[in-house]
Amino acid sequence: MSETGNYVLLLHLPTNATLTVGKLGTVDFPAGWYSYVGSAFGSGGLVGRLKHHLQPVEHPHWHIDYLRQAAELQEIWLSPGTVSHEREWADLMLAIPGATILVEGFGASDSDRETHLFYFDVRPSLEDFTVGVRARFPETKVLRAYTNEAAIGE
């Protein structure tokens, strides 16, 4: 069995973009930082899901694939585990100062949360996010699993 768990994609959109996002329709995305909260509990686990997110998007499948066509993936934060905390992580992401909901329903078709995509004017940090995770789930470790080295210092 592949290792399962929860993850966050941190993306940077350098310029404003108007994108068609599946059934959500046409959406205006301002330039800035986006965090997307997800989980991987299917047969491919975290490795399969993150491999998908690291590949260029040719045929969008999930809402985040449409944004990934315009935004650059900067970091992946993850926490291997057997329990989905995707909904709670969405709450924790929204609690980070500066987090804004721009697109209701984004990545949340199977969730009772308003969205799983959050916008920031300034880059959110793994450290800010893990403060909330540790307070809610003291035994949970969140790792920086990927960093776009070319983006360091932005």
C-alpha atoms as a PDB file:
ATOM      1  CA  MET A   1       0.000   0.000   0.000  1.00  0.00           C
ATOM      2  CA  SER A   2       1.285   3.473  -0.851  1.00  0.00           C
ATOM      3  CA  GLU A   3       1.610   5.956   1.993  1.00  0.00           C
ATOM      4  CA  THR A   4      -1.432   8.180   2.331  1.00  0.00           C
ATOM      5  CA  GLY A   5      -1.852  11.606   3.894  1.00  0.00           C
ATOM      6  CA  ASN A   6      -2.656  15.285   3.595  1.00  0.00           C
ATOM      7  CA  TYR A   7      -0.863  17.991   1.635  1.00  0.00           C
ATOM      8  CA  VAL A   8      -0.757  21.666   0.691  1.00  0.00           C
ATOM      9  CA  LEU A   9       0.323  23.012  -2.690  1.00  0.00           C
ATOM     10  CA  LEU A  10       1.757  26.532  -2.609  1.00  0.00           C
ATOM     11  CA  LEU A  11       1.542  28.270  -5.975  1.00  0.00           C
ATOM     12  CA  HIS A  12       2.547  31.685  -7.272  1.00  0.00           C
ATOM     13  CA  LEU A  13       0.613  33.463 -10.014  1.00  0.00           C
ATOM     14  CA  PRO A  14       2.853  36.234 -11.407  1.00  0.00           C
ATOM     15  CA  THR A  15       0.120  38.158 -13.266  1.00  0.00           C
ATOM     16  CA  ASN A  16      -3.653  38.374 -13.156  1.00  0.00           C
ATOM     17  CA  ALA A  17      -5.341  35.552 -15.056  1.00  0.00           C
ATOM     18  CA  THR A  18      -8.854  34.686 -16.176  1.00  0.00           C
ATOM     19  CA  LEU A  19      -9.274  30.915 -16.364  1.00  0.00           C
ATOM     20  CA  THR A  20     -12.072  28.499 -17.087  1.00  0.00           C
ATOM     21  CA  VAL A  21     -12.133  26.052 -14.185  1.00  0.00           C
ATOM     22  CA  GLY A  22     -14.247  23.055 -15.130  1.00  0.00           C
ATOM     23  CA  LYS A  23     -17.835  23.340 -13.916  1.00  0.00           C
ATOM     24  CA  LEU A  24     -16.960  26.380 -11.797  1.00  0.00           C
ATOM     25  CA  GLY A  25     -16.807  28.381 -15.037  1.00  0.00           C
ATOM     26  CA  THR A  26     -14.723  31.468 -15.740  1.00  0.00           C
ATOM     27  CA  VAL A  27     -12.802  32.778 -12.744  1.00  0.00           C
ATOM     28  CA  ASP A  28     -10.603  35.873 -12.321  1.00  0.00           C
ATOM     29  CA  PHE A  29      -7.446  35.109 -10.364  1.00  0.00           C
ATOM     30  CA  PRO A  30      -5.400  38.095  -9.167  1.00  0.00           C
ATOM     31  CA  ALA A  31      -1.626  37.836  -9.133  1.00  0.00           C
ATOM     32  CA  GLY A  32      -0.334  36.532  -5.824  1.00  0.00           C
ATOM     33  CA  TRP A  33       0.030  33.378  -3.765  1.00  0.00           C
ATOM     34  CA  TYR A  34      -2.380  30.472  -3.580  1.00  0.00           C
ATOM     35  CA  SER A  35      -2.471  27.534  -1.210  1.00  0.00           C
ATOM     36  CA  TYR A  36      -4.485  24.460  -2.024  1.00  0.00           C
ATOM     37  CA  VAL A  37      -5.322  21.882   0.642  1.00  0.00           C
ATOM     38  CA  GLY A  38      -5.738  18.272  -0.470  1.00  0.00           C
ATOM     39  CA  SER A  39      -5.487  14.682   0.648  1.00  0.00           C
ATOM     40  CA  ALA A  40      -4.368  11.474  -0.992  1.00  0.00           C
ATOM     41  CA  PHE A  41      -6.084   8.331   0.213  1.00  0.00           C
ATOM     42  CA  GLY A  42      -6.560   6.574  -3.117  1.00  0.00           C
ATOM     43  CA  SER A  43      -4.542   3.704  -4.523  1.00  0.00           C
ATOM     44  CA  GLY A  44      -1.563   5.881  -5.510  1.00  0.00           C
ATOM     45  CA  GLY A  45      -1.311   7.585  -2.130  1.00  0.00           C
ATOM     46  CA  LEU A  46       0.774  10.705  -1.666  1.00  0.00           C
ATOM     47  CA  VAL A  47       3.394   9.657  -4.206  1.00  0.00           C
ATOM     48  CA  GLY A  48       0.852   9.220  -6.989  1.00  0.00           C
ATOM     49  CA  ARG A  49      -1.033  12.428  -6.198  1.00  0.00           C
ATOM     50  CA  LEU A  50       2.046  14.604  -5.851  1.00  0.00           C
ATOM     51  CA  LYS A  51       3.595  13.114  -8.978  1.00  0.00           C
ATOM     52  CA  HIS A  52       0.444  14.282 -10.784  1.00  0.00           C
ATOM     53  CA  HIS A  53       0.784  17.805  -9.345  1.00  0.00           C
ATOM     54  CA  LEU A  54       4.461  18.012 -10.351  1.00  0.00           C
ATOM     55  CA  GLN A  55       3.785  17.105 -13.990  1.00  0.00           C
ATOM     56  CA  PRO A  56       2.812  19.691 -16.615  1.00  0.00           C
ATOM     57  CA  VAL A  57      -0.965  19.850 -17.048  1.00  0.00           C
ATOM     58  CA  GLU A  58      -2.086  18.566 -20.431  1.00  0.00           C
ATOM     59  CA  HIS A  59      -5.608  17.441 -19.561  1.00  0.00           C
ATOM     60  CA  PRO A  60      -6.983  19.100 -16.409  1.00  0.00           C
ATOM     61  CA  HIS A  61      -8.765  16.679 -14.088  1.00  0.00           C
ATOM     62  CA  TRP A  62      -9.189  18.542 -10.776  1.00  0.00           C
ATOM     63  CA  HIS A  63      -9.917  22.235 -10.176  1.00  0.00           C
ATOM     64  CA  ILE A  64      -6.309  22.828  -9.107  1.00  0.00           C
ATOM     65  CA  ASP A  65      -5.069  21.550 -12.485  1.00  0.00           C
ATOM     66  CA  TYR A  66      -6.663  24.556 -14.199  1.00  0.00           C
ATOM     67  CA  LEU A  67      -4.871  27.016 -11.911  1.00  0.00           C
ATOM     68  CA  ARG A  68      -1.619  25.066 -12.269  1.00  0.00           C
ATOM     69  CA  GLN A  69      -1.696  25.844 -16.001  1.00  0.00           C
ATOM     70  CA  ALA A  70      -1.061  29.521 -15.156  1.00  0.00           C
ATOM     71  CA  ALA A  71       0.552  29.453 -11.698  1.00  0.00           C
ATOM     72  CA  GLU A  72       3.899  27.945 -10.773  1.00  0.00           C
ATOM     73  CA  LEU A  73       4.108  25.335  -8.033  1.00  0.00           C
ATOM     74  CA  GLN A  74       6.550  26.682  -5.435  1.00  0.00           C
ATOM     75  CA  GLU A  75       6.292  24.256  -2.529  1.00  0.00           C
ATOM     76  CA  ILE A  76       4.530  21.127  -1.319  1.00  0.00           C
ATOM     77  CA  TRP A  77       3.878  20.617   2.379  1.00  0.00           C
ATOM     78  CA  LEU A  78       2.714  17.171   3.456  1.00  0.00           C
ATOM     79  CA  SER A  79       1.901  14.991   6.393  1.00  0.00           C
ATOM     80  CA  PRO A  80       1.809  11.217   5.889  1.00  0.00           C
ATOM     81  CA  GLY A  81      -0.951   9.538   7.852  1.00  0.00           C
ATOM     82  CA  THR A  82      -3.971   7.295   7.760  1.00  0.00           C
ATOM     83  CA  VAL A  83      -6.604   9.903   8.690  1.00  0.00           C
ATOM     84  CA  SER A  84      -7.803  12.685   6.409  1.00  0.00           C
ATOM     85  CA  HIS A  85      -7.485  16.113   7.987  1.00  0.00           C
ATOM     86  CA  GLU A  86      -8.268  17.909   4.727  1.00  0.00           C
ATOM     87  CA  ARG A  87     -11.285  19.763   6.129  1.00  0.00           C
ATOM     88  CA  GLU A  88      -9.473  20.804   9.309  1.00  0.00           C
ATOM     89  CA  TRP A  89      -6.413  21.854   7.309  1.00  0.00           C
ATOM     90  CA  ALA A  90      -8.675  24.069   5.171  1.00  0.00           C
ATOM     91  CA  ASP A  91      -9.888  25.728   8.383  1.00  0.00           C
ATOM     92  CA  LEU A  92      -6.303  26.160   9.598  1.00  0.00           C
ATOM     93  CA  MET A  93      -5.203  27.667   6.278  1.00  0.00           C
ATOM     94  CA  LEU A  94      -8.042  30.186   6.429  1.00  0.00           C
ATOM     95  CA  ALA A  95      -6.916  31.132   9.959  1.00  0.00           C
ATOM     96  CA  ILE A  96      -3.499  32.325   8.697  1.00  0.00           C
ATOM     97  CA  PRO A  97      -3.474  36.147   8.666  1.00  0.00           C
ATOM     98  CA  GLY A  98      -4.082  37.429   5.144  1.00  0.00           C
ATOM     99  CA  ALA A  99      -5.896  34.326   3.862  1.00  0.00           C
ATOM    100  CA  THR A 100      -8.810  35.144   1.574  1.00  0.00           C
ATOM    101  CA  ILE A 101     -11.424  32.994  -0.120  1.00  0.00           C
ATOM    102  CA  LEU A 102     -11.768  34.048  -3.756  1.00  0.00           C
ATOM    103  CA  VAL A 103     -13.451  31.014  -5.350  1.00  0.00           C
ATOM    104  CA  GLU A 104     -16.229  29.219  -3.514  1.00  0.00           C
ATOM    105  CA  GLY A 105     -16.353  25.494  -4.197  1.00  0.00           C
ATOM    106  CA  PHE A 106     -12.785  25.272  -5.526  1.00  0.00           C
ATOM    107  CA  GLY A 107     -11.464  21.799  -4.757  1.00  0.00           C
ATOM    108  CA  ALA A 108     -14.335  21.281  -2.335  1.00  0.00           C
ATOM    109  CA  SER A 109     -16.846  19.272  -4.350  1.00  0.00           C
ATOM    110  CA  ASP A 110     -16.576  16.412  -1.827  1.00  0.00           C
ATOM    111  CA  SER A 111     -16.212  18.669   1.238  1.00  0.00           C
ATOM    112  CA  ASP A 112     -18.491  20.625   3.522  1.00  0.00           C
ATOM    113  CA  ARG A 113     -15.968  23.495   3.523  1.00  0.00           C
ATOM    114  CA  GLU A 114     -16.510  26.566   1.359  1.00  0.00           C
ATOM    115  CA  THR A 115     -13.247  26.058  -0.517  1.00  0.00           C
ATOM    116  CA  HIS A 116      -9.866  24.352  -0.399  1.00  0.00           C
ATOM    117  CA  LEU A 117      -8.082  27.200  -2.225  1.00  0.00           C
ATOM    118  CA  PHE A 118      -6.833  30.282  -0.391  1.00  0.00           C
ATOM    119  CA  TYR A 119      -5.353  33.514  -1.731  1.00  0.00           C
ATOM    120  CA  PHE A 120      -2.573  35.543  -0.092  1.00  0.00           C
ATOM    121  CA  ASP A 121      -1.032  38.877  -1.129  1.00  0.00           C
ATOM    122  CA  VAL A 122       2.239  37.761   0.465  1.00  0.00           C
ATOM    123  CA  ARG A 123       3.735  34.302   0.575  1.00  0.00           C
ATOM    124  CA  PRO A 124       2.377  32.226   3.468  1.00  0.00           C
ATOM    125  CA  SER A 125       4.941  30.210   5.377  1.00  0.00           C
ATOM    126  CA  LEU A 126       5.080  26.579   6.386  1.00  0.00           C
ATOM    127  CA  GLU A 127       5.929  27.772   9.890  1.00  0.00           C
ATOM    128  CA  ASP A 128       2.690  29.807  10.167  1.00  0.00           C
ATOM    129  CA  PHE A 129       0.677  26.820   8.995  1.00  0.00           C
ATOM    130  CA  THR A 130       2.350  24.307  11.304  1.00  0.00           C
ATOM    131  CA  VAL A 131       1.570  26.455  14.372  1.00  0.00           C
ATOM    132  CA  GLY A 132      -2.112  25.740  13.750  1.00  0.00           C
ATOM    133  CA  VAL A 133      -1.556  22.092  12.861  1.00  0.00           C
ATOM    134  CA  ARG A 134       0.453  21.445  16.039  1.00  0.00           C
ATOM    135  CA  ALA A 135      -2.178  23.158  18.195  1.00  0.00           C
ATOM    136  CA  ARG A 136      -4.954  20.982  16.739  1.00  0.00           C
ATOM    137  CA  PHE A 137      -3.010  17.757  16.078  1.00  0.00           C
ATOM    138  CA  PRO A 138       0.044  17.727  18.424  1.00  0.00           C
ATOM    139  CA  GLU A 139       1.461  14.454  17.053  1.00  0.00           C
ATOM    140  CA  THR A 140       1.269  15.527  13.405  1.00  0.00           C
ATOM    141  CA  LYS A 141       4.459  16.468  11.570  1.00  0.00           C
ATOM    142  CA  VAL A 142       4.253  18.644   8.465  1.00  0.00           C
ATOM    143  CA  LEU A 143       7.188  18.416   6.076  1.00  0.00           C
ATOM    144  CA  ARG A 144       8.330  20.608   3.209  1.00  0.00           C
ATOM    145  CA  ALA A 145       8.467  17.888   0.567  1.00  0.00           C
ATOM    146  CA  TYR A 146       9.226  20.027  -2.479  1.00  0.00           C
ATOM    147  CA  THR A 147      10.671  23.477  -3.082  1.00  0.00           C
ATOM    148  CA  ASN A 148      11.106  25.174  -6.421  1.00  0.00           C
ATOM    149  CA  GLU A 149      14.737  26.189  -5.931  1.00  0.00           C
ATOM    150  CA  ALA A 150      14.543  28.780  -8.716  1.00  0.00           C
ATOM    151  CA  ALA A 151      11.881  30.619  -6.699  1.00  0.00           C
ATOM    152  CA  ILE A 152      13.908  31.013  -3.505  1.00  0.00           C
ATOM    153  CA  GLY A 153      14.042  34.656  -2.521  1.00  0.00           C
ATOM    154  CA  GLU A 154      10.841  35.733  -4.256  1.00  0.00           C
END
